[in-house]
Each structure stands twice: as structure tokens, then as C-alpha cells.
Protein backbone atom coordinates (compact mmCIF):
# COMPACT_ATOMS: atom_id res chain seq x y z
CA UNK A 1 102.65 95.74 112.63
CA UNK A 2 98.98 96.83 111.78
CA UNK A 3 97.23 94.06 109.73
CA UNK A 4 95.56 95.02 106.67
CA UNK A 5 92.09 93.40 107.82
CA UNK A 6 89.21 95.16 109.19
CA UNK A 7 86.43 96.61 107.21
CA UNK A 8 85.60 98.38 103.59
CA UNK A 9 84.15 101.69 103.93
CA UNK A 10 84.09 102.24 100.11
CA UNK A 11 85.41 100.12 97.38
CA UNK A 12 88.83 101.86 97.49
CA UNK A 13 89.11 102.27 101.44
CA UNK A 14 90.81 99.71 103.47
CA UNK A 15 90.62 100.47 107.40
CA UNK A 16 93.28 99.28 109.77
CA UNK A 17 91.98 98.65 113.49
CA UNK A 18 89.83 101.63 114.23
CA UNK A 19 89.18 102.74 117.61
CA UNK A 20 86.91 105.59 118.29
CA UNK A 21 88.19 108.70 119.38
CA UNK A 22 92.07 107.86 118.81
CA UNK A 23 93.69 109.65 115.66
CA UNK A 24 94.13 107.92 112.45
CA UNK A 25 96.48 108.51 109.51
CA UNK A 26 94.70 108.57 106.19
CA UNK A 27 97.08 107.52 103.21
CA UNK A 28 96.35 110.04 100.39
CA UNK A 29 98.78 108.65 97.71
CA UNK A 30 98.71 105.42 96.08
CA UNK A 31 95.71 103.90 98.21
CA UNK A 32 93.19 104.62 100.42
CA UNK A 33 94.32 103.29 103.59
CA UNK A 34 93.42 104.30 107.09
CA UNK A 35 95.97 103.50 109.87
CA UNK A 36 94.94 103.80 113.73
CA UNK A 37 97.63 105.24 115.90
CA UNK A 38 98.05 103.91 119.58
CA UNK A 39 98.97 105.88 122.59
CA UNK A 40 102.58 105.91 122.52
CA UNK A 41 105.23 105.50 119.66
CA UNK A 42 103.84 104.49 116.02
CA UNK A 43 106.96 103.89 113.85
CA UNK A 44 106.20 104.43 110.02
CA UNK A 45 108.36 102.94 107.38
CA UNK A 46 108.25 101.24 104.20
CA UNK A 47 107.02 97.58 103.84
CA UNK A 48 109.88 94.94 103.74
CA UNK A 49 109.52 91.59 105.27
CA UNK A 50 112.27 92.79 107.78
CA UNK A 51 110.85 96.30 108.87
CA UNK A 52 110.13 96.88 112.27
CA UNK A 53 107.48 99.53 111.65
CA UNK A 54 103.88 99.72 113.17
CA UNK A 55 102.67 101.41 109.79
CA UNK A 56 104.18 99.61 107.00
CA UNK A 57 103.63 101.57 103.66
CA UNK A 58 103.92 100.90 100.13
CA UNK A 59 105.59 98.08 98.39
CA UNK A 60 108.99 96.27 97.81
CA UNK A 61 109.87 98.80 94.85
CA UNK A 62 109.82 101.77 97.05
CA UNK A 63 113.34 102.86 97.82
CA UNK A 64 113.35 106.29 99.07
CA UNK A 65 111.12 105.82 102.26
CA UNK A 66 113.17 103.84 104.85
CA UNK A 67 111.65 100.90 106.36
CA UNK A 68 111.97 102.72 109.72
CA UNK A 69 111.40 106.08 108.59
CA UNK A 70 109.79 108.30 111.30
CA UNK A 71 107.64 108.02 114.30
CA UNK A 72 104.35 109.77 115.49
CA UNK A 73 104.03 109.86 119.10
CA UNK A 74 100.26 110.06 120.41
CA UNK A 75 100.34 111.22 124.16
CA UNK A 76 96.79 111.38 126.22
CA UNK A 77 96.72 114.98 127.85
CA UNK A 78 93.85 114.61 130.17
CA UNK A 79 91.39 113.02 127.93
CA UNK A 80 92.67 114.75 124.83
CA UNK A 81 95.03 113.04 122.13
CA UNK A 82 98.15 115.10 121.26
CA UNK A 83 100.16 113.99 118.58
CA UNK A 84 103.97 114.73 117.80
CA UNK A 85 106.10 113.87 114.69
CA UNK A 86 109.81 113.23 114.66
CA UNK A 87 112.25 111.45 112.13
CA UNK A 88 113.63 108.00 113.36
CA UNK A 89 117.06 108.35 112.23
CA UNK A 90 119.12 111.07 110.62
CA UNK A 91 119.83 109.32 107.47
CA UNK A 92 116.25 109.70 106.01
CA UNK A 93 115.22 111.23 102.59
CA UNK A 94 113.37 114.52 103.02
CA UNK A 95 110.17 114.45 104.85
CA UNK A 96 107.73 117.45 105.22
CA UNK A 97 104.74 118.13 107.32
CA UNK A 98 102.35 120.43 105.61
CA UNK A 99 105.02 122.04 103.06
CA UNK A 100 107.73 122.57 105.85
CA UNK A 101 110.92 120.50 105.92
CA UNK A 102 111.68 118.19 108.88
CA UNK A 103 114.96 118.05 110.51
CA UNK A 104 116.21 115.05 112.57
CA UNK A 105 115.92 117.16 115.77
CA UNK A 106 112.58 118.34 115.30
CA UNK A 107 109.76 117.17 117.39
CA UNK A 108 106.87 118.85 115.94
CA UNK A 109 103.12 118.91 117.65
CA UNK A 110 100.74 118.00 115.03
CA UNK A 111 97.06 119.22 114.30
CA UNK A 112 94.08 117.74 112.52
CA UNK A 113 94.55 117.84 108.83
CA UNK A 114 98.48 118.07 108.86
CA UNK A 115 99.72 116.36 105.67
CA UNK A 116 102.97 114.28 106.13
CA UNK A 117 104.87 114.08 103.20
CA UNK A 118 107.46 111.27 102.75
CA UNK A 119 109.43 110.16 100.08
CA UNK A 120 108.18 108.16 97.01
CA UNK A 121 105.44 110.45 96.82
CA UNK A 122 103.57 109.17 100.11
CA UNK A 123 101.05 111.63 101.70
CA UNK A 124 99.49 110.77 105.18
CA UNK A 125 96.95 113.06 106.49
CA UNK A 126 96.27 113.11 110.38
CA UNK A 127 92.76 113.03 111.62
CA UNK A 128 91.87 114.02 115.17
CA UNK A 129 88.37 113.91 116.94
């Protein structure tokens, strides 16, 4: 689980474990947090004491985003990083990538600037170098 400690870049921005060149997700709603992605599977979900998500978003009162909601997989492709998005389970509320609804069977290659729109008005933007 990413710990909410690293550095303050602006008073409203919290940065989580930044490693140069690796992709990050920037929270655009409800806060200004930046989450470092790691090579491999990055599970995204709602903050709860029992969540197994690597990236935990929100507060206990958010009920529409699942504790384990979606996955961003980062692959090293000959020195360049590629990111892929999928839902963690079938029973999640509507989720979109830049206004296109994602289905459980989808495995979507992401691009820099893609907006991941999760329930509870959570919007994450992918930033890649």
C-alpha cells in the first residue's frame, strides 16, 4: 500500500513514492495526490482498513468504488513503459477511460493523459514520460 508520505510540491499536492521515468496517476478529484505506479500489477480501490489495494483512494464514506476496483498493469517494453487497464472483478460500478465505458473482459492499453473515471466522482489521469 502506498503510504501518504513523500513530499509537498504545492500546498494542495501530496506525492506518493515518485521514481523518475515510471508512470504516475494524478488524482484530479477530491484531492491533489500523485500515485507512483510500479512495474507489474497496481490494484486501485477505495480506502478501507481491509482493502488489499496498492492505491487506496477516498474515505470510508465512499461506497460506489470497490475496495478492489481496477488494475493498472505496467510493463517494461524494451526500456519504455506501457500501461494496461482492466477491472478487478465483474461486480464493480461503471468505470470509464476518457469517456469510454470499460467492461470486465476489456484489457485497455493506456496512453499519456488518459482519464480513468471511477465511481464516487474519482478521476485519475495517467502521466507517462
